[in-house]
Amino acid sequence: MSSTYEGFTAEERAAMKEHAQEGKKAARRGSPADKAAEAARDVLAKIAEMEDSDRILAERVHAVILAAAPHLAPKLWYGMPAYALDGKIVCFFQSAAKFKARYATLGFSDQAKLDEGTMWPAAFALTEVTDEVEARISALVERAVS
């Protein structure tokens, strides 16, 4: 049985276009402080645009991440709220609607210091942010930037 490569999905192409626009917008910004403030506003605006269930999750995740690691800089990354350390993405929130998934995702890049032996999770499915989930996210973020 032969399968043919269909290329990127419409959602993947849209994410790549958003990433290109984010880079252009960042290049036009003024001082580093202006860039950081505008990037943080962009993240909040993106969260506000999300469907209700994703927005509620993203708002809570955003608050937990910034409480756990206030030195992380919020910024958009492929159209998703992300959090960077020294300009490099450490973690990100992907809404369920972004790629028509059944759950939202909290993901960590290779910059995150979550290593455990020879294999460890780098993304977590989110359907609800309970107190227990908040504590786990907080611990993961603190470890990721340690």
Protein backbone atom coordinates (compact mmCIF):
# COMPACT_ATOMS: atom_id res chain seq x y z
CA MET A 1 0.00 0.00 0.00
CA SER A 2 1.46 3.33 -1.05
CA SER A 3 0.68 6.62 0.63
CA THR A 4 1.49 9.97 -0.84
CA TYR A 5 2.69 13.01 1.02
CA GLU A 6 -0.07 15.58 1.16
CA GLY A 7 2.08 18.39 2.58
CA PHE A 8 1.26 20.55 5.55
CA THR A 9 -2.29 20.85 6.82
CA ALA A 10 -4.10 24.16 6.55
CA GLU A 11 -3.61 24.60 10.30
CA GLU A 12 0.14 23.96 10.03
CA ARG A 13 0.46 26.44 7.15
CA ALA A 14 -1.48 29.03 9.15
CA ALA A 15 0.84 28.52 12.15
CA MET A 16 3.90 29.01 9.94
CA LYS A 17 2.42 32.22 8.51
CA GLU A 18 1.71 33.47 12.02
CA HIS A 19 5.32 32.71 13.01
CA ALA A 20 6.63 34.72 10.05
CA GLN A 21 4.35 37.65 10.94
CA GLU A 22 5.48 37.46 14.59
CA GLY A 23 9.12 37.77 13.48
CA LYS A 24 8.39 40.76 11.25
CA LYS A 25 6.40 42.47 13.98
CA ALA A 26 9.15 41.88 16.56
CA ALA A 27 11.77 43.33 14.21
CA ARG A 28 9.76 46.58 13.92
CA ARG A 29 9.43 47.10 17.66
CA GLY A 30 11.51 49.71 19.51
CA SER A 31 13.48 49.23 22.73
CA PRO A 32 13.82 45.85 24.46
CA ALA A 33 11.33 47.00 27.12
CA ASP A 34 8.84 48.04 24.43
CA LYS A 35 9.32 44.70 22.68
CA ALA A 36 8.70 42.74 25.89
CA ALA A 37 5.61 44.77 26.81
CA GLU A 38 4.11 44.46 23.33
CA ALA A 39 4.89 40.73 23.18
CA ALA A 40 3.12 40.23 26.52
CA ARG A 41 0.08 42.19 25.22
CA ASP A 42 0.10 40.03 22.07
CA VAL A 43 -0.05 36.88 24.21
CA LEU A 44 -2.99 38.21 26.23
CA ALA A 45 -4.78 39.24 23.03
CA LYS A 46 -4.24 35.77 21.52
CA ILE A 47 -5.61 34.15 24.68
CA ALA A 48 -8.65 36.46 24.59
CA GLU A 49 -9.39 35.33 21.00
CA MET A 50 -9.58 31.64 21.96
CA GLU A 51 -12.78 29.64 22.25
CA ASP A 52 -14.17 29.61 25.80
CA SER A 53 -12.78 26.24 26.96
CA ASP A 54 -9.31 26.94 25.52
CA ARG A 55 -9.32 30.52 26.79
CA ILE A 56 -10.12 29.43 30.35
CA LEU A 57 -7.28 26.90 30.29
CA ALA A 58 -4.84 29.36 28.68
CA GLU A 59 -5.60 32.11 31.20
CA ARG A 60 -4.92 29.78 34.12
CA VAL A 61 -1.80 28.28 32.54
CA HIS A 62 -0.49 31.78 31.77
CA ALA A 63 -0.98 32.89 35.38
CA VAL A 64 0.63 29.73 36.80
CA ILE A 65 3.66 29.96 34.51
CA LEU A 66 4.31 33.61 35.32
CA ALA A 67 3.85 32.99 39.06
CA ALA A 68 6.26 30.04 38.96
CA ALA A 69 8.87 31.79 36.81
CA PRO A 70 8.25 35.54 36.62
CA HIS A 71 11.50 35.99 34.69
CA LEU A 72 10.05 34.12 31.69
CA ALA A 73 9.03 36.45 28.88
CA PRO A 74 5.61 35.83 27.30
CA LYS A 75 5.63 35.94 23.50
CA LEU A 76 3.77 34.41 20.60
CA TRP A 77 5.35 31.39 18.95
CA TYR A 78 3.64 30.01 15.83
CA GLY A 79 0.53 31.83 17.01
CA MET A 80 0.61 30.18 20.44
CA PRO A 81 1.26 31.71 23.86
CA ALA A 82 4.84 30.83 24.76
CA TYR A 83 7.33 31.71 27.46
CA ALA A 84 10.98 32.40 26.78
CA LEU A 85 14.18 32.63 28.77
CA ASP A 86 16.94 34.72 27.20
CA GLY A 87 14.95 34.78 23.95
CA LYS A 88 14.57 30.98 23.72
CA ILE A 89 11.20 29.30 24.12
CA VAL A 90 10.99 27.11 27.23
CA CYS A 91 7.29 26.22 27.21
CA PHE A 92 4.10 26.94 25.30
CA PHE A 93 0.33 26.49 25.38
CA GLN A 94 -1.40 25.02 22.35
CA SER A 95 -5.17 25.33 22.27
CA ALA A 96 -7.24 22.35 21.25
CA ALA A 97 -8.72 24.38 18.40
CA LYS A 98 -5.29 25.28 16.99
CA PHE A 99 -4.86 21.91 15.26
CA LYS A 100 -8.39 20.56 15.81
CA ALA A 101 -7.24 18.32 18.65
CA ARG A 102 -9.43 16.91 21.38
CA TYR A 103 -7.35 18.52 24.13
CA ALA A 104 -5.10 21.52 24.74
CA THR A 105 -1.39 20.96 25.28
CA LEU A 106 1.29 22.35 27.56
CA GLY A 107 4.56 21.73 25.77
CA PHE A 108 8.20 22.16 26.68
CA SER A 109 11.08 22.79 24.28
CA ASP A 110 14.52 21.24 24.45
CA GLN A 111 15.54 24.35 26.46
CA ALA A 112 13.49 23.05 29.40
CA LYS A 113 15.54 21.19 31.97
CA LEU A 114 13.11 18.33 32.46
CA ASP A 115 15.56 15.54 31.62
CA GLU A 116 14.92 12.25 33.42
CA GLY A 117 17.25 9.48 32.35
CA THR A 118 16.97 8.59 28.69
CA MET A 119 13.26 9.40 28.16
CA TRP A 120 10.84 11.99 29.58
CA PRO A 121 7.61 13.74 28.58
CA ALA A 122 7.91 17.05 26.74
CA ALA A 123 4.17 17.73 26.33
CA PHE A 124 1.11 17.27 28.50
CA ALA A 125 -2.55 17.04 27.51
CA LEU A 126 -4.81 19.49 29.34
CA THR A 127 -8.56 19.18 29.67
CA GLU A 128 -8.99 21.06 32.94
CA VAL A 129 -6.73 23.06 35.25
CA THR A 130 -7.49 21.96 38.78
CA ASP A 131 -5.51 22.95 41.88
CA GLU A 132 -3.53 19.72 41.50
CA VAL A 133 -2.79 20.47 37.83
CA GLU A 134 -1.74 24.03 38.73
CA ALA A 135 0.72 22.63 41.29
CA ARG A 136 2.11 20.18 38.74
CA ILE A 137 2.49 22.90 36.07
CA SER A 138 4.19 25.16 38.59
CA ALA A 139 6.66 22.43 39.59
CA LEU A 140 7.39 21.56 35.95
CA VAL A 141 8.02 25.20 35.02
CA GLU A 142 10.23 25.79 38.04
CA ARG A 143 12.25 22.69 37.15
CA ALA A 144 12.35 23.63 33.46
CA VAL A 145 14.11 26.92 34.21
CA SER A 146 16.32 25.70 37.07
